[in-house]
Amino acid sequence: MPTNKKESTVFTLMMCTMMVFGMSVYNALLHNGIGGIVFSELMLGFLPAFLVALLLDVLIVGPFAKNIAFKLLGENKGKMPLTALVISCCMVFCMVLCMSLFGLIMQQNFSGNVFINYIQAMLLNAVCAFPLQLLVVGPISRSILKVIQ
């Protein structure tokens, strides 16, 4: 885990970049199929999603999720890897809630029942976001951070 502001900034940028890219590819596959992914379109959608995710992470979701995680951990706060796991799960849950709404807005998916569309988007995103974070992005980011430290 990051120990100072510089490490925290680098760690957040790595996590956010990899998660947004991974989720962008996943959603492109969901909506277009394997043959329908166009790299230029993927990159065009990546930048606004990255900026929104980064701002949410730094300003709203990060502090909120960490607060919830530390309350859930109680006296186990600081014990690794449990602390990292609980913080990651809280972050993913909160980001899925927010970024699923962002995705619906960007796709202008307001046909039919918007609430059902939102729930469906959240569930589909959660299916990918949790394993992506816990099995790929989190371990890679922590490994890179260890090298930096």
N, C-alpha and C. Protein backbone atom coordinates (compact mmCIF):
# COMPACT_ATOMS: atom_id res chain seq x y z
N MET A 1 0.84 -1.18 0.00
CA MET A 1 0.00 0.00 0.00
C MET A 1 0.89 1.25 0.00
N PRO A 2 0.37 2.33 -0.58
CA PRO A 2 1.16 3.57 -0.64
C PRO A 2 1.47 4.10 0.76
N THR A 3 2.67 4.68 0.90
CA THR A 3 3.07 5.21 2.20
C THR A 3 3.18 6.73 2.22
N ASN A 4 3.13 7.38 1.03
CA ASN A 4 3.19 8.84 0.99
C ASN A 4 2.35 9.34 -0.20
N LYS A 5 2.29 10.66 -0.34
CA LYS A 5 1.44 11.28 -1.36
C LYS A 5 1.87 10.91 -2.78
N LYS A 6 3.18 10.89 -3.03
CA LYS A 6 3.69 10.55 -4.36
C LYS A 6 3.31 9.11 -4.73
N GLU A 7 3.53 8.19 -3.82
CA GLU A 7 3.19 6.79 -4.06
C GLU A 7 1.68 6.62 -4.24
N SER A 8 0.91 7.36 -3.45
CA SER A 8 -0.54 7.29 -3.55
C SER A 8 -1.01 7.79 -4.91
N THR A 9 -0.41 8.84 -5.41
CA THR A 9 -0.76 9.39 -6.72
C THR A 9 -0.43 8.40 -7.83
N VAL A 10 0.77 7.84 -7.79
CA VAL A 10 1.19 6.86 -8.79
C VAL A 10 0.28 5.63 -8.75
N PHE A 11 0.02 5.14 -7.55
CA PHE A 11 -0.83 3.97 -7.36
C PHE A 11 -2.24 4.21 -7.91
N THR A 12 -2.82 5.36 -7.58
CA THR A 12 -4.17 5.70 -8.05
C THR A 12 -4.20 5.80 -9.57
N LEU A 13 -3.20 6.43 -10.16
CA LEU A 13 -3.16 6.54 -11.63
C LEU A 13 -3.03 5.18 -12.30
N MET A 14 -2.21 4.30 -11.73
CA MET A 14 -2.07 2.95 -12.29
C MET A 14 -3.39 2.18 -12.21
N MET A 15 -3.98 2.20 -11.02
CA MET A 15 -5.24 1.46 -10.81
C MET A 15 -6.33 1.98 -11.73
N CYS A 16 -6.47 3.29 -11.77
CA CYS A 16 -7.53 3.90 -12.55
C CYS A 16 -7.34 3.63 -14.04
N THR A 17 -6.13 3.78 -14.53
CA THR A 17 -5.85 3.54 -15.94
C THR A 17 -6.17 2.10 -16.33
N MET A 18 -5.68 1.16 -15.57
CA MET A 18 -5.90 -0.25 -15.91
C MET A 18 -7.36 -0.66 -15.77
N MET A 19 -8.03 -0.17 -14.72
CA MET A 19 -9.44 -0.54 -14.54
C MET A 19 -10.32 0.05 -15.64
N VAL A 20 -10.11 1.33 -15.96
CA VAL A 20 -10.93 1.95 -17.01
C VAL A 20 -10.67 1.29 -18.35
N PHE A 21 -9.41 1.00 -18.65
CA PHE A 21 -9.11 0.34 -19.93
C PHE A 21 -9.74 -1.06 -19.97
N GLY A 22 -9.56 -1.81 -18.90
CA GLY A 22 -10.14 -3.16 -18.85
C GLY A 22 -11.65 -3.16 -18.95
N MET A 23 -12.29 -2.25 -18.25
CA MET A 23 -13.75 -2.17 -18.30
C MET A 23 -14.23 -1.63 -19.64
N SER A 24 -13.44 -0.76 -20.27
CA SER A 24 -13.80 -0.27 -21.61
C SER A 24 -13.78 -1.40 -22.62
N VAL A 25 -12.75 -2.24 -22.55
CA VAL A 25 -12.68 -3.39 -23.46
C VAL A 25 -13.84 -4.34 -23.19
N TYR A 26 -14.10 -4.61 -21.93
CA TYR A 26 -15.20 -5.50 -21.55
C TYR A 26 -16.54 -5.00 -22.09
N ASN A 27 -16.83 -3.72 -21.89
CA ASN A 27 -18.09 -3.16 -22.35
C ASN A 27 -18.18 -3.11 -23.87
N ALA A 28 -17.06 -2.87 -24.53
CA ALA A 28 -17.05 -2.90 -26.00
C ALA A 28 -17.36 -4.32 -26.48
N LEU A 29 -16.79 -5.31 -25.80
CA LEU A 29 -17.09 -6.71 -26.16
C LEU A 29 -18.56 -7.03 -25.93
N LEU A 30 -19.11 -6.54 -24.83
CA LEU A 30 -20.52 -6.80 -24.53
C LEU A 30 -21.44 -6.21 -25.59
N HIS A 31 -21.13 -5.01 -26.02
CA HIS A 31 -22.03 -4.30 -26.92
C HIS A 31 -21.76 -4.56 -28.40
N ASN A 32 -20.52 -4.87 -28.75
CA ASN A 32 -20.16 -4.99 -30.16
C ASN A 32 -19.68 -6.38 -30.57
N GLY A 33 -19.37 -7.23 -29.62
CA GLY A 33 -18.79 -8.52 -29.95
C GLY A 33 -17.31 -8.36 -30.26
N ILE A 34 -16.63 -9.48 -30.44
CA ILE A 34 -15.18 -9.46 -30.66
C ILE A 34 -14.80 -8.70 -31.92
N GLY A 35 -15.54 -8.91 -32.99
CA GLY A 35 -15.21 -8.26 -34.25
C GLY A 35 -15.59 -6.80 -34.31
N GLY A 36 -16.35 -6.32 -33.32
CA GLY A 36 -16.84 -4.95 -33.36
C GLY A 36 -16.00 -3.95 -32.59
N ILE A 37 -14.89 -4.38 -32.03
CA ILE A 37 -14.06 -3.45 -31.26
C ILE A 37 -13.16 -2.68 -32.22
N VAL A 38 -13.28 -1.37 -32.16
CA VAL A 38 -12.43 -0.49 -32.96
C VAL A 38 -11.55 0.27 -31.98
N PHE A 39 -10.22 0.11 -32.12
CA PHE A 39 -9.29 0.68 -31.16
C PHE A 39 -9.45 2.19 -31.03
N SER A 40 -9.65 2.88 -32.15
CA SER A 40 -9.78 4.34 -32.08
C SER A 40 -11.03 4.74 -31.29
N GLU A 41 -12.13 4.02 -31.47
CA GLU A 41 -13.35 4.30 -30.70
C GLU A 41 -13.15 3.97 -29.23
N LEU A 42 -12.41 2.90 -28.97
CA LEU A 42 -12.12 2.52 -27.59
C LEU A 42 -11.33 3.63 -26.90
N MET A 43 -10.33 4.16 -27.57
CA MET A 43 -9.50 5.23 -27.00
C MET A 43 -10.28 6.53 -26.86
N LEU A 44 -11.20 6.78 -27.79
CA LEU A 44 -12.02 7.99 -27.73
C LEU A 44 -12.92 7.98 -26.50
N GLY A 45 -13.45 6.82 -26.15
CA GLY A 45 -14.28 6.69 -24.96
C GLY A 45 -13.48 6.57 -23.68
N PHE A 46 -12.21 6.15 -23.82
CA PHE A 46 -11.37 5.95 -22.65
C PHE A 46 -11.10 7.26 -21.90
N LEU A 47 -10.76 8.32 -22.63
CA LEU A 47 -10.35 9.57 -21.98
C LEU A 47 -11.43 10.16 -21.07
N PRO A 48 -12.68 10.35 -21.55
CA PRO A 48 -13.67 10.89 -20.62
C PRO A 48 -13.96 9.94 -19.45
N ALA A 49 -13.98 8.64 -19.71
CA ALA A 49 -14.22 7.67 -18.63
C ALA A 49 -13.09 7.72 -17.61
N PHE A 50 -11.86 7.82 -18.09
CA PHE A 50 -10.70 7.90 -17.20
C PHE A 50 -10.77 9.15 -16.32
N LEU A 51 -11.08 10.30 -16.94
CA LEU A 51 -11.14 11.55 -16.17
C LEU A 51 -12.25 11.50 -15.11
N VAL A 52 -13.42 10.99 -15.48
CA VAL A 52 -14.52 10.88 -14.52
C VAL A 52 -14.15 9.91 -13.40
N ALA A 53 -13.60 8.75 -13.78
CA ALA A 53 -13.22 7.75 -12.77
C ALA A 53 -12.15 8.29 -11.83
N LEU A 54 -11.17 9.00 -12.37
CA LEU A 54 -10.10 9.55 -11.55
C LEU A 54 -10.65 10.60 -10.57
N LEU A 55 -11.50 11.49 -11.07
CA LEU A 55 -12.10 12.50 -10.18
C LEU A 55 -12.97 11.85 -9.11
N LEU A 56 -13.78 10.87 -9.51
CA LEU A 56 -14.60 10.16 -8.53
C LEU A 56 -13.73 9.47 -7.48
N ASP A 57 -12.68 8.81 -7.94
CA ASP A 57 -11.79 8.08 -7.05
C ASP A 57 -11.15 9.02 -6.03
N VAL A 58 -10.60 10.11 -6.50
CA VAL A 58 -9.85 11.01 -5.63
C VAL A 58 -10.77 11.83 -4.72
N LEU A 59 -11.87 12.33 -5.27
CA LEU A 59 -12.69 13.28 -4.52
C LEU A 59 -13.84 12.67 -3.72
N ILE A 60 -14.45 11.60 -4.23
CA ILE A 60 -15.67 11.10 -3.59
C ILE A 60 -15.54 9.65 -3.16
N VAL A 61 -15.37 8.77 -4.14
CA VAL A 61 -15.43 7.33 -3.87
C VAL A 61 -14.29 6.86 -2.99
N GLY A 62 -13.08 7.30 -3.28
CA GLY A 62 -11.92 6.86 -2.50
C GLY A 62 -12.08 7.13 -1.01
N PRO A 63 -12.29 8.39 -0.62
CA PRO A 63 -12.47 8.67 0.82
C PRO A 63 -13.67 7.94 1.43
N PHE A 64 -14.78 7.89 0.69
CA PHE A 64 -15.98 7.23 1.21
C PHE A 64 -15.73 5.73 1.39
N ALA A 65 -15.17 5.08 0.36
CA ALA A 65 -14.94 3.63 0.41
C ALA A 65 -13.93 3.27 1.50
N LYS A 66 -12.89 4.07 1.65
CA LYS A 66 -11.90 3.79 2.69
C LYS A 66 -12.51 3.94 4.08
N ASN A 67 -13.35 4.94 4.24
CA ASN A 67 -14.04 5.14 5.52
C ASN A 67 -14.90 3.92 5.86
N ILE A 68 -15.67 3.45 4.88
CA ILE A 68 -16.52 2.27 5.08
C ILE A 68 -15.64 1.05 5.37
N ALA A 69 -14.57 0.89 4.58
CA ALA A 69 -13.68 -0.27 4.74
C ALA A 69 -13.07 -0.30 6.14
N PHE A 70 -12.61 0.85 6.63
CA PHE A 70 -11.99 0.88 7.95
C PHE A 70 -13.00 0.60 9.06
N LYS A 71 -14.26 1.02 8.85
CA LYS A 71 -15.30 0.69 9.83
C LYS A 71 -15.58 -0.81 9.82
N LEU A 72 -15.60 -1.40 8.62
CA LEU A 72 -15.83 -2.84 8.51
C LEU A 72 -14.67 -3.64 9.12
N LEU A 73 -13.45 -3.14 8.95
CA LEU A 73 -12.27 -3.85 9.46
C LEU A 73 -12.16 -3.79 10.98
N GLY A 74 -12.61 -2.69 11.58
CA GLY A 74 -12.53 -2.56 13.03
C GLY A 74 -11.10 -2.70 13.52
N GLU A 75 -10.87 -3.62 14.43
CA GLU A 75 -9.53 -3.80 15.01
C GLU A 75 -8.55 -4.48 14.05
N ASN A 76 -9.05 -4.99 12.94
CA ASN A 76 -8.18 -5.62 11.93
C ASN A 76 -7.59 -4.61 10.95
N LYS A 77 -7.92 -3.34 11.14
CA LYS A 77 -7.41 -2.28 10.27
C LYS A 77 -5.88 -2.30 10.27
N GLY A 78 -5.30 -2.31 9.07
CA GLY A 78 -3.85 -2.32 8.93
C GLY A 78 -3.27 -3.69 8.72
N LYS A 79 -4.05 -4.73 8.96
CA LYS A 79 -3.55 -6.09 8.74
C LYS A 79 -3.65 -6.42 7.25
N MET A 80 -2.49 -6.67 6.68
CA MET A 80 -2.44 -7.01 5.25
C MET A 80 -2.48 -8.52 5.11
N PRO A 81 -3.06 -9.07 4.12
CA PRO A 81 -3.69 -8.47 2.94
C PRO A 81 -5.18 -8.17 3.14
N LEU A 82 -5.72 -8.43 4.33
CA LEU A 82 -7.15 -8.21 4.58
C LEU A 82 -7.55 -6.76 4.32
N THR A 83 -6.77 -5.82 4.78
CA THR A 83 -7.09 -4.41 4.59
C THR A 83 -7.16 -4.06 3.11
N ALA A 84 -6.18 -4.51 2.34
CA ALA A 84 -6.17 -4.24 0.90
C ALA A 84 -7.39 -4.86 0.22
N LEU A 85 -7.76 -6.06 0.63
CA LEU A 85 -8.91 -6.74 0.04
C LEU A 85 -10.22 -6.01 0.33
N VAL A 86 -10.41 -5.60 1.57
CA VAL A 86 -11.65 -4.91 1.95
C VAL A 86 -11.73 -3.54 1.28
N ILE A 87 -10.64 -2.80 1.25
CA ILE A 87 -10.64 -1.50 0.57
C ILE A 87 -10.93 -1.69 -0.91
N SER A 88 -10.29 -2.66 -1.54
CA SER A 88 -10.52 -2.92 -2.97
C SER A 88 -11.98 -3.25 -3.25
N CYS A 89 -12.57 -4.10 -2.44
CA CYS A 89 -13.97 -4.47 -2.65
C CYS A 89 -14.91 -3.27 -2.48
N CYS A 90 -14.66 -2.46 -1.46
CA CYS A 90 -15.48 -1.27 -1.25
C CYS A 90 -15.33 -0.28 -2.41
N MET A 91 -14.09 -0.11 -2.87
CA MET A 91 -13.83 0.79 -4.01
C MET A 91 -14.54 0.30 -5.26
N VAL A 92 -14.41 -0.99 -5.56
CA VAL A 92 -15.04 -1.54 -6.77
C VAL A 92 -16.55 -1.38 -6.69
N PHE A 93 -17.13 -1.72 -5.56
CA PHE A 93 -18.58 -1.61 -5.41
C PHE A 93 -19.05 -0.18 -5.68
N CYS A 94 -18.39 0.79 -5.05
CA CYS A 94 -18.79 2.19 -5.22
C CYS A 94 -18.54 2.69 -6.65
N MET A 95 -17.41 2.30 -7.23
CA MET A 95 -17.11 2.73 -8.60
C MET A 95 -18.07 2.09 -9.61
N VAL A 96 -18.47 0.85 -9.38
CA VAL A 96 -19.44 0.21 -10.28
C VAL A 96 -20.76 0.99 -10.24
N LEU A 97 -21.18 1.41 -9.05
CA LEU A 97 -22.41 2.19 -8.94
C LEU A 97 -22.32 3.48 -9.75
N CYS A 98 -21.21 4.18 -9.61
CA CYS A 98 -21.04 5.48 -10.27
C CYS A 98 -20.77 5.34 -11.77
N MET A 99 -19.85 4.48 -12.13
CA MET A 99 -19.44 4.40 -13.54
C MET A 99 -20.50 3.71 -14.40
N SER A 100 -21.36 2.90 -13.81
CA SER A 100 -22.47 2.33 -14.57
C SER A 100 -23.44 3.43 -14.98
N LEU A 101 -23.67 4.37 -14.09
CA LEU A 101 -24.50 5.53 -14.42
C LEU A 101 -23.82 6.37 -15.50
N PHE A 102 -22.53 6.58 -15.36
CA PHE A 102 -21.77 7.33 -16.38
C PHE A 102 -21.91 6.65 -17.74
N GLY A 103 -21.79 5.33 -17.78
CA GLY A 103 -21.92 4.59 -19.03
C GLY A 103 -23.29 4.75 -19.66
N LEU A 104 -24.33 4.69 -18.85
CA LEU A 104 -25.69 4.89 -19.39
C LEU A 104 -25.85 6.30 -19.95
N ILE A 105 -25.31 7.27 -19.27
CA ILE A 105 -25.40 8.66 -19.74
C ILE A 105 -24.65 8.81 -21.06
N MET A 106 -23.43 8.26 -21.13
CA MET A 106 -22.62 8.39 -22.35
C MET A 106 -23.27 7.68 -23.53
N GLN A 107 -23.92 6.56 -23.28
CA GLN A 107 -24.58 5.82 -24.35
C GLN A 107 -25.98 6.34 -24.63
N GLN A 108 -26.42 7.28 -23.81
CA GLN A 108 -27.77 7.83 -23.91
C GLN A 108 -28.81 6.70 -23.93
N ASN A 109 -28.61 5.77 -23.00
CA ASN A 109 -29.46 4.58 -22.91
C ASN A 109 -30.65 4.87 -21.99
N PHE A 110 -31.57 5.71 -22.48
CA PHE A 110 -32.71 6.09 -21.67
C PHE A 110 -34.02 5.51 -22.21
N SER A 111 -33.90 4.55 -23.13
CA SER A 111 -35.11 3.92 -23.66
C SER A 111 -35.60 2.87 -22.66
N GLY A 112 -36.90 2.68 -22.63
CA GLY A 112 -37.46 1.68 -21.72
C GLY A 112 -37.37 2.13 -20.28
N ASN A 113 -37.22 1.19 -19.39
CA ASN A 113 -37.14 1.48 -17.97
C ASN A 113 -35.69 1.79 -17.60
N VAL A 114 -35.41 3.05 -17.30
CA VAL A 114 -34.05 3.50 -17.00
C VAL A 114 -33.51 2.80 -15.76
N PHE A 115 -34.35 2.60 -14.76
CA PHE A 115 -33.91 1.94 -13.54
C PHE A 115 -33.45 0.51 -13.82
N ILE A 116 -34.21 -0.21 -14.64
CA ILE A 116 -33.84 -1.59 -15.01
C ILE A 116 -32.54 -1.58 -15.81
N ASN A 117 -32.40 -0.62 -16.72
CA ASN A 117 -31.16 -0.50 -17.50
C ASN A 117 -29.96 -0.27 -16.58
N TYR A 118 -30.16 0.57 -15.56
CA TYR A 118 -29.08 0.86 -14.61
C TYR A 118 -28.71 -0.38 -13.78
N ILE A 119 -29.70 -1.08 -13.28
CA ILE A 119 -29.44 -2.30 -12.50
C ILE A 119 -28.71 -3.33 -13.37
N GLN A 120 -29.17 -3.49 -14.60
CA GLN A 120 -28.54 -4.44 -15.51
C GLN A 120 -27.09 -4.04 -15.79
N ALA A 121 -26.85 -2.76 -16.03
CA ALA A 121 -25.48 -2.28 -16.27
C ALA A 121 -24.60 -2.52 -15.05
N MET A 122 -25.14 -2.24 -13.85
CA MET A 122 -24.36 -2.45 -12.62
C MET A 122 -23.97 -3.92 -12.47
N LEU A 123 -24.93 -4.80 -12.67
CA LEU A 123 -24.64 -6.23 -12.51
C LEU A 123 -23.64 -6.72 -13.53
N LEU A 124 -23.81 -6.31 -14.78
CA LEU A 124 -22.87 -6.72 -15.83
C LEU A 124 -21.47 -6.17 -15.55
N ASN A 125 -21.39 -4.94 -15.08
CA ASN A 125 -20.08 -4.35 -14.77
C ASN A 125 -19.44 -5.00 -13.54
N ALA A 126 -20.25 -5.32 -12.54
CA ALA A 126 -19.71 -5.96 -11.33
C ALA A 126 -19.11 -7.32 -11.64
N VAL A 127 -19.73 -8.04 -12.57
CA VAL A 127 -19.24 -9.38 -12.95
C VAL A 127 -17.79 -9.31 -13.45
N CYS A 128 -17.45 -8.23 -14.13
CA CYS A 128 -16.08 -8.08 -14.63
C CYS A 128 -15.19 -7.31 -13.66
N ALA A 129 -15.74 -6.26 -13.04
CA ALA A 129 -14.91 -5.35 -12.24
C ALA A 129 -14.28 -6.02 -11.02
N PHE A 130 -15.02 -6.87 -10.32
CA PHE A 130 -14.46 -7.50 -9.12
C PHE A 130 -13.28 -8.43 -9.46
N PRO A 131 -13.45 -9.38 -10.40
CA PRO A 131 -12.29 -10.21 -10.73
C PRO A 131 -11.14 -9.43 -11.35
N LEU A 132 -11.47 -8.45 -12.19
CA LEU A 132 -10.42 -7.64 -12.82
C LEU A 132 -9.59 -6.94 -11.75
N GLN A 133 -10.25 -6.35 -10.77
CA GLN A 133 -9.54 -5.64 -9.70
C GLN A 133 -8.79 -6.60 -8.79
N LEU A 134 -9.47 -7.64 -8.33
CA LEU A 134 -8.88 -8.52 -7.31
C LEU A 134 -7.82 -9.47 -7.86
N LEU A 135 -7.95 -9.87 -9.11
CA LEU A 135 -7.04 -10.87 -9.67
C LEU A 135 -6.00 -10.30 -10.63
N VAL A 136 -6.26 -9.14 -11.22
CA VAL A 136 -5.34 -8.61 -12.23
C VAL A 136 -4.78 -7.25 -11.83
N VAL A 137 -5.63 -6.25 -11.83
CA VAL A 137 -5.18 -4.86 -11.65
C VAL A 137 -4.58 -4.62 -10.27
N GLY A 138 -5.23 -5.08 -9.21
CA GLY A 138 -4.70 -4.88 -7.86
C GLY A 138 -3.32 -5.49 -7.67
N PRO A 139 -3.16 -6.79 -7.99
CA PRO A 139 -1.83 -7.39 -7.84
C PRO A 139 -0.75 -6.73 -8.70
N ILE A 140 -1.09 -6.37 -9.93
CA ILE A 140 -0.11 -5.70 -10.80
C ILE A 140 0.28 -4.35 -10.21
N SER A 141 -0.71 -3.56 -9.79
CA SER A 141 -0.43 -2.23 -9.22
C SER A 141 0.40 -2.34 -7.95
N ARG A 142 0.07 -3.29 -7.09
CA ARG A 142 0.84 -3.45 -5.85
C ARG A 142 2.26 -3.92 -6.15
N SER A 143 2.44 -4.76 -7.15
CA SER A 143 3.78 -5.21 -7.53
C SER A 143 4.63 -4.06 -8.05
N ILE A 144 4.04 -3.24 -8.90
CA ILE A 144 4.76 -2.07 -9.41
C ILE A 144 5.09 -1.11 -8.28
N LEU A 145 4.14 -0.92 -7.36
CA LEU A 145 4.38 -0.04 -6.22
C LEU A 145 5.54 -0.54 -5.36
N LYS A 146 5.63 -1.84 -5.17
CA LYS A 146 6.74 -2.42 -4.39
C LYS A 146 8.07 -2.10 -5.04
N VAL A 147 8.13 -2.15 -6.36
CA VAL A 147 9.36 -1.81 -7.08
C VAL A 147 9.71 -0.34 -6.88
N ILE A 148 8.69 0.52 -6.92
CA ILE A 148 8.89 1.97 -6.73
C ILE A 148 9.37 2.25 -5.30
N GLN A 149 8.79 1.53 -4.34
CA GLN A 149 9.15 1.76 -2.94
C GLN A 149 10.57 1.30 -2.67
